[in-house]
Amino acid sequence: MRYLAININYELDQDWYCKCATIFDCYNYFDSLGPGDGPKTAIYDIETNTYLWVDENHAGHNERLNGIVSDAMSKISAHS
């Protein structure tokens, strides 16, 4: 799995991510989100360590996004 599809529910202070094989899979994940899951926020490329897309409404939340990515990378490394 190369990508992280990230969504954040600011009202409930909850963060989620889904490991995806393709960018298309990321968009399918976003399409599956329910109203309580929060909006699609970003797509992160694990191999290049870069954000491929960040929703413009969430661009100012880099610290939180970076924390989500760091947590995900730690969990991925632990399972490798």
C-alpha atoms as a PDB file:
ATOM      1  CA  MET A   1       0.000   0.000   0.000  1.00  0.00           C
ATOM      2  CA  ARG A   2       1.564   3.222  -1.159  1.00  0.00           C
ATOM      3  CA  TYR A   3      -0.914   5.971  -0.228  1.00  0.00           C
ATOM      4  CA  LEU A   4      -2.731   7.269   2.833  1.00  0.00           C
ATOM      5  CA  ALA A   5      -6.190   8.744   2.363  1.00  0.00           C
ATOM      6  CA  ILE A   6      -6.717  11.030   5.371  1.00  0.00           C
ATOM      7  CA  ASN A   7      -9.946  12.442   6.746  1.00  0.00           C
ATOM      8  CA  ILE A   8     -10.450  14.516   9.883  1.00  0.00           C
ATOM      9  CA  ASN A   9     -13.598  15.120  11.876  1.00  0.00           C
ATOM     10  CA  TYR A  10     -12.868  18.411  13.627  1.00  0.00           C
ATOM     11  CA  GLU A  11     -16.177  18.451  15.511  1.00  0.00           C
ATOM     12  CA  LEU A  12     -15.399  15.128  17.242  1.00  0.00           C
ATOM     13  CA  ASP A  13     -11.616  15.679  17.227  1.00  0.00           C
ATOM     14  CA  GLN A  14     -11.051  12.370  15.410  1.00  0.00           C
ATOM     15  CA  ASP A  15      -8.509  11.499  12.725  1.00  0.00           C
ATOM     16  CA  TRP A  16      -8.678   8.632  10.271  1.00  0.00           C
ATOM     17  CA  TYR A  17      -6.567   7.294   7.473  1.00  0.00           C
ATOM     18  CA  CYS A  18      -6.840   4.396   5.073  1.00  0.00           C
ATOM     19  CA  LYS A  19      -3.874   2.697   3.411  1.00  0.00           C
ATOM     20  CA  CYS A  20      -4.531   2.443  -0.321  1.00  0.00           C
ATOM     21  CA  ALA A  21      -2.733   0.860  -3.251  1.00  0.00           C
ATOM     22  CA  THR A  22      -3.704   3.533  -5.783  1.00  0.00           C
ATOM     23  CA  ILE A  23      -4.907   7.117  -5.842  1.00  0.00           C
ATOM     24  CA  PHE A  24      -8.156   5.803  -7.298  1.00  0.00           C
ATOM     25  CA  ASP A  25      -8.543   3.646  -4.159  1.00  0.00           C
ATOM     26  CA  CYS A  26      -8.102   6.797  -2.056  1.00  0.00           C
ATOM     27  CA  TYR A  27     -10.981   8.478  -3.871  1.00  0.00           C
ATOM     28  CA  ASN A  28     -13.123   5.340  -3.466  1.00  0.00           C
ATOM     29  CA  TYR A  29     -12.399   5.484   0.263  1.00  0.00           C
ATOM     30  CA  PHE A  30     -13.398   9.157   0.364  1.00  0.00           C
ATOM     31  CA  ASP A  31     -16.608   8.328  -1.515  1.00  0.00           C
ATOM     32  CA  SER A  32     -17.455   5.702   1.119  1.00  0.00           C
ATOM     33  CA  LEU A  33     -17.280   8.166   4.034  1.00  0.00           C
ATOM     34  CA  GLY A  34     -20.465   8.827   5.941  1.00  0.00           C
ATOM     35  CA  PRO A  35     -21.604  12.184   7.296  1.00  0.00           C
ATOM     36  CA  GLY A  36     -20.034  11.523  10.729  1.00  0.00           C
ATOM     37  CA  ASP A  37     -16.618  10.611   9.336  1.00  0.00           C
ATOM     38  CA  GLY A  38     -15.488  14.123   8.480  1.00  0.00           C
ATOM     39  CA  PRO A  39     -14.419  15.425   5.095  1.00  0.00           C
ATOM     40  CA  LYS A  40     -11.671  14.135   2.852  1.00  0.00           C
ATOM     41  CA  THR A  41      -8.560  16.013   3.853  1.00  0.00           C
ATOM     42  CA  ALA A  42      -5.391  14.769   2.148  1.00  0.00           C
ATOM     43  CA  ILE A  43      -3.645  12.072   0.134  1.00  0.00           C
ATOM     44  CA  TYR A  44      -0.115  11.217   1.205  1.00  0.00           C
ATOM     45  CA  ASP A  45       2.440   9.213  -0.812  1.00  0.00           C
ATOM     46  CA  ILE A  46       4.336   6.910   1.568  1.00  0.00           C
ATOM     47  CA  GLU A  47       7.149   6.173  -0.920  1.00  0.00           C
ATOM     48  CA  THR A  48       8.031   9.790  -1.707  1.00  0.00           C
ATOM     49  CA  ASN A  49       7.015  11.200   1.705  1.00  0.00           C
ATOM     50  CA  THR A  50       4.930  13.951   0.115  1.00  0.00           C
ATOM     51  CA  TYR A  51       1.365  15.133   0.116  1.00  0.00           C
ATOM     52  CA  LEU A  52      -0.116  14.658  -3.332  1.00  0.00           C
ATOM     53  CA  TRP A  53      -3.244  16.581  -2.431  1.00  0.00           C
ATOM     54  CA  VAL A  54      -4.471  18.614   0.544  1.00  0.00           C
ATOM     55  CA  ASP A  55      -7.954  20.091   0.601  1.00  0.00           C
ATOM     56  CA  GLU A  56      -7.577  23.876   0.525  1.00  0.00           C
ATOM     57  CA  ASN A  57      -9.850  24.171   3.585  1.00  0.00           C
ATOM     58  CA  HIS A  58      -7.350  22.116   5.584  1.00  0.00           C
ATOM     59  CA  ALA A  59      -4.065  23.441   4.229  1.00  0.00           C
ATOM     60  CA  GLY A  60      -3.383  25.376   7.444  1.00  0.00           C
ATOM     61  CA  HIS A  61      -3.499  22.217   9.575  1.00  0.00           C
ATOM     62  CA  ASN A  62      -0.075  20.843   8.599  1.00  0.00           C
ATOM     63  CA  GLU A  63       0.893  20.022  12.181  1.00  0.00           C
ATOM     64  CA  ARG A  64      -2.158  17.811  12.618  1.00  0.00           C
ATOM     65  CA  LEU A  65      -1.737  16.187   9.205  1.00  0.00           C
ATOM     66  CA  ASN A  66       1.933  15.517   9.877  1.00  0.00           C
ATOM     67  CA  GLY A  67       0.990  13.923  13.208  1.00  0.00           C
ATOM     68  CA  ILE A  68      -1.491  11.604  11.478  1.00  0.00           C
ATOM     69  CA  VAL A  69       1.143  10.621   8.910  1.00  0.00           C
ATOM     70  CA  SER A  70       3.782  10.080  11.603  1.00  0.00           C
ATOM     71  CA  ASP A  71       1.424   7.850  13.588  1.00  0.00           C
ATOM     72  CA  ALA A  72       0.493   5.878  10.476  1.00  0.00           C
ATOM     73  CA  MET A  73       4.127   5.425   9.449  1.00  0.00           C
ATOM     74  CA  SER A  74       5.008   4.181  12.942  1.00  0.00           C
ATOM     75  CA  LYS A  75       2.211   1.609  12.801  1.00  0.00           C
ATOM     76  CA  ILE A  76       3.184   0.532   9.280  1.00  0.00           C
ATOM     77  CA  SER A  77       6.842   0.126  10.312  1.00  0.00           C
ATOM     78  CA  ALA A  78       5.848  -1.897  13.371  1.00  0.00           C
ATOM     79  CA  HIS A  79       3.914  -4.354  11.189  1.00  0.00           C
ATOM     80  CA  SER A  80       6.657  -4.745   8.596  1.00  0.00           C
END
